[in-house]
N, C-alpha and C. Protein backbone atom coordinates (compact mmCIF):
# COMPACT_ATOMS: atom_id res chain seq x y z
N MET A 1 39.70 22.45 66.76
CA MET A 1 40.50 22.19 65.61
C MET A 1 39.65 22.46 64.42
N PRO A 2 39.92 23.23 63.28
CA PRO A 2 39.15 23.41 62.14
C PRO A 2 39.01 22.15 61.31
N ILE A 3 37.78 21.91 60.75
CA ILE A 3 37.55 20.73 60.05
C ILE A 3 38.53 20.33 59.03
N SER A 4 39.27 21.32 58.35
CA SER A 4 40.22 20.85 57.37
C SER A 4 41.33 20.27 58.06
N GLU A 5 41.67 20.62 59.30
CA GLU A 5 42.89 19.95 59.97
C GLU A 5 42.42 18.58 60.45
N VAL A 6 41.21 18.42 60.77
CA VAL A 6 40.65 17.13 61.15
C VAL A 6 40.75 16.12 59.97
N ALA A 7 40.45 16.71 58.87
CA ALA A 7 40.51 15.78 57.58
C ALA A 7 41.91 15.38 57.33
N GLN A 8 42.93 16.28 57.55
CA GLN A 8 44.33 15.98 57.23
C GLN A 8 44.94 14.95 58.37
N ALA A 9 44.29 15.00 59.59
CA ALA A 9 44.89 14.37 60.61
C ALA A 9 44.91 12.77 60.63
N GLY A 10 43.89 12.23 60.11
CA GLY A 10 43.75 10.81 60.16
C GLY A 10 44.44 10.10 58.97
N LYS A 11 44.68 8.82 59.11
CA LYS A 11 45.45 8.02 58.25
C LYS A 11 44.52 7.22 57.36
N GLN A 12 43.17 7.16 57.72
CA GLN A 12 42.33 6.50 56.82
C GLN A 12 40.96 7.31 56.86
N ILE A 13 40.19 7.09 55.58
CA ILE A 13 38.88 7.55 55.50
C ILE A 13 37.91 6.38 55.41
N ARG A 14 36.86 6.46 56.17
CA ARG A 14 35.77 5.41 56.11
C ARG A 14 34.39 6.12 56.10
N ALA A 15 33.50 5.26 55.55
CA ALA A 15 32.14 5.72 55.52
C ALA A 15 31.54 5.98 56.85
N ASP A 16 30.61 6.94 56.97
CA ASP A 16 29.95 7.21 58.27
C ASP A 16 28.79 6.35 58.45
N LEU A 17 29.01 5.07 58.48
CA LEU A 17 27.85 4.03 58.64
C LEU A 17 27.82 3.57 60.07
N PHE A 18 27.27 4.34 60.94
CA PHE A 18 27.14 4.05 62.30
C PHE A 18 25.58 4.19 62.66
N ALA A 19 25.17 3.32 63.58
CA ALA A 19 23.76 3.40 64.04
C ALA A 19 23.30 4.61 64.66
N ASP A 20 24.27 5.36 65.33
CA ASP A 20 24.04 6.55 66.09
C ASP A 20 24.11 7.74 65.37
N THR A 21 24.25 7.62 63.99
CA THR A 21 24.20 8.73 63.05
C THR A 21 23.18 8.70 62.07
N PRO A 22 21.89 9.00 62.37
CA PRO A 22 20.83 8.82 61.35
C PRO A 22 20.89 9.57 60.19
N TYR A 23 21.77 10.65 60.03
CA TYR A 23 21.86 11.43 58.86
C TYR A 23 22.66 10.87 57.90
N THR A 24 23.35 9.81 58.11
CA THR A 24 24.35 9.29 57.20
C THR A 24 24.00 7.78 56.84
N VAL A 25 22.82 7.27 57.18
CA VAL A 25 22.45 5.91 56.72
C VAL A 25 22.33 5.79 55.28
N GLY A 26 23.27 4.81 54.78
CA GLY A 26 23.33 4.48 53.35
C GLY A 26 24.14 5.35 52.55
N ILE A 27 24.92 6.17 53.20
CA ILE A 27 25.91 7.05 52.55
C ILE A 27 27.13 6.15 52.08
N SER A 28 27.49 6.35 50.79
CA SER A 28 28.60 5.50 50.33
C SER A 28 29.97 6.07 50.56
N LEU A 29 30.95 5.25 50.43
CA LEU A 29 32.40 5.71 50.63
C LEU A 29 32.73 6.77 49.53
N ALA A 30 32.26 6.71 48.34
CA ALA A 30 32.45 7.74 47.34
C ALA A 30 31.89 9.07 47.83
N ASN A 31 30.80 9.07 48.59
CA ASN A 31 30.18 10.26 49.14
C ASN A 31 31.08 10.88 50.21
N VAL A 32 31.58 9.99 51.01
CA VAL A 32 32.43 10.54 52.11
C VAL A 32 33.86 11.07 51.52
N MET A 33 34.38 10.33 50.42
CA MET A 33 35.47 10.87 49.75
C MET A 33 35.34 12.21 49.15
N SER A 34 34.11 12.36 48.62
CA SER A 34 33.69 13.60 48.04
C SER A 34 33.78 14.89 48.99
N LYS A 35 33.34 14.61 50.37
CA LYS A 35 33.29 15.47 51.35
C LYS A 35 34.75 15.95 51.69
N PHE A 36 35.72 15.03 51.70
CA PHE A 36 37.05 15.31 51.94
C PHE A 36 37.64 16.20 50.75
N LEU A 37 37.21 15.80 49.60
CA LEU A 37 37.71 16.54 48.46
C LEU A 37 37.31 18.05 48.41
N CYS A 38 36.01 18.19 48.84
CA CYS A 38 35.51 19.53 48.99
C CYS A 38 36.11 20.31 50.18
N LEU A 39 36.63 19.64 51.11
CA LEU A 39 37.42 20.33 52.19
C LEU A 39 38.80 20.64 51.94
N GLY A 40 39.23 20.20 50.69
CA GLY A 40 40.53 20.51 50.13
C GLY A 40 41.58 19.49 50.36
N VAL A 41 41.23 18.32 50.69
CA VAL A 41 42.28 17.18 50.89
C VAL A 41 42.59 16.76 49.54
N PRO A 42 43.86 16.76 49.09
CA PRO A 42 44.23 16.34 47.66
C PRO A 42 43.81 14.89 47.39
N LEU A 43 43.35 14.65 46.14
CA LEU A 43 42.69 13.46 45.59
C LEU A 43 43.68 12.29 45.94
N GLU A 44 44.95 12.44 45.77
CA GLU A 44 45.99 11.50 46.02
C GLU A 44 46.01 11.05 47.47
N ASP A 45 45.73 12.01 48.40
CA ASP A 45 45.63 11.58 49.78
C ASP A 45 44.37 10.72 50.11
N ILE A 46 43.34 11.28 49.37
CA ILE A 46 42.10 10.56 49.59
C ILE A 46 42.15 9.18 49.19
N ILE A 47 42.65 8.89 47.96
CA ILE A 47 42.79 7.45 47.45
C ILE A 47 43.75 6.69 48.40
N ARG A 48 44.81 7.24 48.81
CA ARG A 48 45.61 6.51 49.76
C ARG A 48 44.90 6.23 51.06
N ARG A 49 44.15 7.05 51.53
CA ARG A 49 43.56 6.83 52.93
C ARG A 49 42.19 5.96 52.79
N THR A 50 41.93 5.58 51.55
CA THR A 50 40.71 4.72 51.44
C THR A 50 41.25 3.37 50.76
N THR A 51 42.42 3.18 50.47
CA THR A 51 42.92 2.01 49.89
C THR A 51 44.14 1.47 50.64
N VAL A 52 45.34 2.07 50.43
CA VAL A 52 46.64 1.47 50.93
C VAL A 52 46.62 1.52 52.47
N ASN A 53 46.24 2.57 53.06
CA ASN A 53 46.33 2.78 54.48
C ASN A 53 45.43 1.79 55.26
N PRO A 54 44.07 1.57 54.79
CA PRO A 54 43.16 0.57 55.59
C PRO A 54 43.84 -0.81 55.34
N ALA A 55 44.34 -1.17 54.19
CA ALA A 55 44.88 -2.43 53.93
C ALA A 55 46.07 -2.68 54.93
N GLN A 56 46.91 -1.71 55.06
CA GLN A 56 48.03 -1.85 56.04
C GLN A 56 47.57 -2.14 57.52
N MET A 57 46.48 -1.35 57.83
CA MET A 57 46.06 -1.34 59.19
C MET A 57 45.44 -2.73 59.42
N ILE A 58 44.93 -3.44 58.55
CA ILE A 58 44.36 -4.85 58.78
C ILE A 58 45.36 -5.88 58.38
N HIS A 59 46.51 -5.45 58.06
CA HIS A 59 47.75 -6.38 57.74
C HIS A 59 47.44 -7.21 56.53
N ARG A 60 46.88 -6.60 55.49
CA ARG A 60 46.62 -7.18 54.22
C ARG A 60 47.34 -6.51 53.08
N PRO A 61 48.58 -6.58 53.00
CA PRO A 61 49.43 -5.95 52.03
C PRO A 61 49.07 -6.18 50.54
N GLU A 62 48.43 -7.33 50.22
CA GLU A 62 48.04 -7.72 48.95
C GLU A 62 46.76 -6.86 48.48
N LEU A 63 46.07 -6.12 49.44
CA LEU A 63 45.07 -5.33 49.10
C LEU A 63 45.44 -3.78 48.99
N GLY A 64 44.71 -3.02 48.48
CA GLY A 64 44.78 -1.57 48.41
C GLY A 64 45.93 -0.97 47.48
N ASN A 65 46.35 -1.92 46.43
CA ASN A 65 47.35 -1.49 45.56
C ASN A 65 47.25 -2.23 44.21
N LEU A 66 47.87 -1.75 43.30
CA LEU A 66 47.88 -2.36 41.85
C LEU A 66 49.18 -2.78 41.51
N SER A 67 49.78 -3.70 42.27
CA SER A 67 51.06 -4.28 41.94
C SER A 67 50.94 -5.73 41.56
N VAL A 68 51.95 -6.26 40.88
CA VAL A 68 51.86 -7.68 40.43
C VAL A 68 51.68 -8.59 41.52
N GLY A 69 50.73 -9.57 41.33
CA GLY A 69 50.40 -10.50 42.30
C GLY A 69 49.24 -10.09 43.34
N SER A 70 48.91 -8.73 43.33
CA SER A 70 47.79 -8.32 44.07
C SER A 70 46.44 -8.68 43.42
N THR A 71 45.40 -8.80 44.14
CA THR A 71 44.04 -8.99 43.79
C THR A 71 43.69 -7.88 42.95
N ALA A 72 43.04 -8.16 41.84
CA ALA A 72 42.57 -7.05 40.87
C ALA A 72 41.23 -6.58 41.39
N ASP A 73 41.11 -5.80 42.54
CA ASP A 73 39.97 -5.16 42.97
C ASP A 73 40.11 -3.73 42.75
N ILE A 74 39.23 -3.23 41.75
CA ILE A 74 39.55 -1.96 41.22
C ILE A 74 38.19 -1.23 41.26
N ALA A 75 38.24 0.13 41.61
CA ALA A 75 37.20 0.99 41.52
C ALA A 75 37.60 2.11 40.62
N VAL A 76 36.82 2.29 39.39
CA VAL A 76 37.19 3.37 38.47
C VAL A 76 36.25 4.55 38.91
N LEU A 77 36.91 5.60 39.24
CA LEU A 77 36.22 6.77 39.69
C LEU A 77 36.18 8.00 38.74
N GLU A 78 35.28 8.85 38.82
CA GLU A 78 35.34 10.11 38.09
C GLU A 78 34.97 11.26 39.04
N ILE A 79 35.47 12.36 38.79
CA ILE A 79 35.12 13.53 39.38
C ILE A 79 34.10 14.38 38.57
N VAL A 80 32.98 14.70 39.15
CA VAL A 80 31.96 15.47 38.45
C VAL A 80 31.95 16.82 38.99
N ASN A 81 31.90 17.90 38.23
CA ASN A 81 31.75 19.10 38.70
C ASN A 81 30.37 19.64 38.75
N GLY A 82 29.99 20.52 39.61
CA GLY A 82 28.67 20.95 39.86
C GLY A 82 28.39 21.62 41.24
N LYS A 83 27.15 21.48 41.71
CA LYS A 83 26.86 21.98 43.00
C LYS A 83 26.36 20.85 43.89
N PHE A 84 27.07 20.49 44.82
CA PHE A 84 26.61 19.30 45.75
C PHE A 84 26.69 19.67 47.22
N ALA A 85 25.97 18.97 47.89
CA ALA A 85 25.95 19.15 49.36
C ALA A 85 26.05 17.77 49.98
N TYR A 86 26.75 17.68 51.09
CA TYR A 86 27.16 16.38 51.74
C TYR A 86 26.78 16.57 53.33
N ARG A 87 25.92 15.60 53.67
CA ARG A 87 25.49 15.64 55.15
C ARG A 87 26.66 15.03 55.92
N GLY A 88 26.70 15.58 57.10
CA GLY A 88 27.77 15.13 58.05
C GLY A 88 27.14 14.33 58.98
N SER A 89 27.93 13.57 59.87
CA SER A 89 27.40 12.64 60.91
C SER A 89 26.72 13.44 62.04
N GLY A 90 27.02 14.75 62.16
CA GLY A 90 26.35 15.61 63.17
C GLY A 90 25.14 16.28 62.71
N GLY A 91 24.74 16.11 61.42
CA GLY A 91 23.39 16.69 60.93
C GLY A 91 23.78 17.87 60.16
N GLY A 92 24.96 18.38 60.15
CA GLY A 92 25.15 19.61 59.33
C GLY A 92 25.55 19.20 57.99
N LYS A 93 25.77 20.07 57.01
CA LYS A 93 26.12 19.83 55.73
C LYS A 93 27.32 20.70 55.24
N ILE A 94 28.01 20.06 54.26
CA ILE A 94 29.11 20.81 53.62
C ILE A 94 28.76 20.87 52.10
N GLU A 95 28.99 22.17 51.50
CA GLU A 95 28.66 22.18 50.14
C GLU A 95 29.98 22.25 49.33
N GLY A 96 30.03 21.85 48.14
CA GLY A 96 31.18 21.91 47.35
C GLY A 96 30.79 21.86 45.92
N ASN A 97 31.85 21.93 45.09
CA ASN A 97 31.60 21.99 43.67
C ASN A 97 32.06 20.80 42.89
N GLN A 98 32.40 19.75 43.59
CA GLN A 98 32.96 18.43 42.99
C GLN A 98 32.29 17.20 43.70
N LYS A 99 32.27 16.05 42.97
CA LYS A 99 31.64 14.90 43.50
C LYS A 99 32.44 13.84 42.94
N ILE A 100 32.81 12.83 43.70
CA ILE A 100 33.50 11.57 43.30
C ILE A 100 32.33 10.48 43.08
N GLN A 101 32.26 9.92 41.88
CA GLN A 101 31.44 8.80 41.69
C GLN A 101 32.12 7.70 40.97
N CYS A 102 31.45 6.47 41.48
CA CYS A 102 32.13 5.21 40.93
C CYS A 102 31.42 4.91 39.44
N VAL A 103 32.20 4.61 38.46
CA VAL A 103 31.63 4.34 37.20
C VAL A 103 31.90 2.81 36.78
N MET A 104 32.81 2.21 37.57
CA MET A 104 32.94 0.67 37.33
C MET A 104 33.61 0.06 38.58
N THR A 105 33.30 -1.15 38.93
CA THR A 105 33.90 -1.84 39.96
C THR A 105 34.36 -3.22 39.41
N LEU A 106 35.56 -3.59 39.69
CA LEU A 106 36.07 -4.90 39.33
C LEU A 106 36.46 -5.59 40.62
N PHE A 107 36.18 -6.89 40.81
CA PHE A 107 36.49 -7.68 41.84
C PHE A 107 37.12 -9.02 41.46
N GLY A 108 38.36 -9.17 41.73
CA GLY A 108 39.13 -10.39 41.22
C GLY A 108 39.29 -10.43 39.75
N GLY A 109 39.33 -9.09 39.16
CA GLY A 109 39.56 -8.99 37.69
C GLY A 109 38.17 -8.99 36.97
N LYS A 110 36.97 -9.31 37.57
CA LYS A 110 35.74 -9.36 36.95
C LYS A 110 34.85 -8.11 37.18
N ILE A 111 34.18 -7.72 36.28
CA ILE A 111 33.41 -6.55 36.37
C ILE A 111 32.14 -6.90 37.06
N LEU A 112 31.97 -6.22 38.18
CA LEU A 112 30.80 -6.33 39.09
C LEU A 112 29.80 -5.32 38.83
N TYR A 113 30.25 -4.09 38.51
CA TYR A 113 29.38 -2.82 38.26
C TYR A 113 29.89 -2.16 37.12
N ASP A 114 28.96 -1.81 36.30
CA ASP A 114 29.27 -0.91 35.12
C ASP A 114 28.20 0.14 35.10
N HIS A 115 28.63 1.32 35.36
CA HIS A 115 27.66 2.44 35.35
C HIS A 115 26.86 2.59 34.15
N PRO A 116 25.71 3.20 34.22
CA PRO A 116 24.98 3.25 32.97
C PRO A 116 25.74 3.78 31.76
N TYR A 117 26.97 4.43 31.96
CA TYR A 117 27.78 4.74 30.67
C TYR A 117 28.08 3.55 29.78
N GLY A 118 28.17 2.41 30.49
CA GLY A 118 28.39 1.20 29.82
C GLY A 118 29.82 1.12 29.37
N LEU A 119 30.84 1.38 30.22
CA LEU A 119 32.24 1.34 29.76
C LEU A 119 32.78 0.16 29.19
N SER A 120 32.21 -0.98 29.65
CA SER A 120 32.81 -2.22 29.24
C SER A 120 31.93 -2.83 28.00
N ILE A 121 31.08 -2.04 27.60
CA ILE A 121 30.14 -2.58 26.46
C ILE A 121 30.55 -1.84 25.18
N PRO A 122 30.66 -2.74 24.10
CA PRO A 122 31.13 -2.16 22.91
C PRO A 122 29.96 -1.29 22.18
N LEU A 123 30.42 -0.41 21.40
CA LEU A 123 29.45 0.48 20.51
C LEU A 123 28.67 -0.46 19.76
N TRP A 124 27.41 -0.31 19.58
CA TRP A 124 26.49 -1.16 18.67
C TRP A 124 27.08 -1.52 17.44
N GLN A 125 27.71 -0.45 16.71
CA GLN A 125 28.34 -0.80 15.27
C GLN A 125 29.41 -1.73 15.32
N ASP A 126 30.03 -1.84 16.61
CA ASP A 126 31.29 -2.56 16.60
C ASP A 126 30.91 -4.14 17.05
N ILE A 127 29.64 -4.39 17.25
CA ILE A 127 29.33 -5.78 17.63
C ILE A 127 29.23 -6.66 16.34
N PRO A 128 29.86 -7.80 16.40
CA PRO A 128 30.10 -8.67 15.28
C PRO A 128 28.69 -9.11 14.68
N LYS A 129 28.49 -9.22 13.47
CA LYS A 129 27.17 -9.46 12.87
C LYS A 129 26.57 -10.84 13.30
N GLY A 130 27.41 -11.80 13.67
CA GLY A 130 26.79 -13.04 14.16
C GLY A 130 26.49 -13.00 15.57
N SER A 131 26.56 -11.98 16.21
CA SER A 131 26.16 -11.82 17.66
C SER A 131 24.75 -12.03 18.00
N ARG A 132 24.22 -12.48 19.12
CA ARG A 132 22.91 -12.55 19.49
C ARG A 132 22.27 -11.14 19.54
N TYR A 133 23.16 -10.13 19.62
CA TYR A 133 22.64 -8.72 19.68
C TYR A 133 21.81 -8.51 18.49
N TRP A 134 22.15 -9.00 17.33
CA TRP A 134 21.50 -8.71 16.04
C TRP A 134 20.37 -9.85 15.96
N ALA A 135 19.06 -9.44 16.34
CA ALA A 135 18.00 -10.45 16.31
C ALA A 135 17.62 -10.59 14.85
N ASP A 136 17.13 -11.86 14.54
CA ASP A 136 16.65 -12.14 13.19
C ASP A 136 15.20 -11.85 13.28
N THR A 137 14.63 -10.70 12.80
CA THR A 137 13.41 -10.26 12.87
C THR A 137 12.51 -10.90 11.84
N THR A 138 13.10 -11.66 11.07
CA THR A 138 12.22 -12.52 10.03
C THR A 138 11.44 -13.60 10.78
N LYS A 139 11.99 -14.02 11.82
CA LYS A 139 11.40 -15.18 12.61
C LYS A 139 10.42 -14.74 13.74
N GLN A 140 10.37 -13.51 13.95
CA GLN A 140 9.41 -12.96 14.94
C GLN A 140 7.99 -12.78 14.40
N LYS A 141 7.16 -13.15 15.28
CA LYS A 141 5.59 -12.90 14.85
C LYS A 141 5.13 -11.73 15.68
N PHE A 142 4.64 -10.80 14.90
CA PHE A 142 3.99 -9.58 15.49
C PHE A 142 2.54 -9.61 15.59
């Protein structure tokens, strides 16, 4: 079966984090999602297979969706264009021109990870003048 058919066949996508696959140690779910994107799997299917479908499989309907009453666990992703290679669990690699990367993660509605872009941080000129951001340099000894 061609690899593109294998990608379409499953109901969920999970990271290749197994002890018997030394080529994938430490590879993130975003990396695995990127592989499927480069194989031609539509982004909507990739998102469903990494959120809704796994939540249904473990009988946790409150997870994997953004509906009223669900837990606010959110990954903000971006697609980066360029030249990328992805290692497979068998040791081979897949080349592609897109990569999915996480730029922010929220858990229970609180930001746990904010990419160096600083999406949650205000621009310096918008910080109120009374904020501790603005150090009083007259009291500093140099």
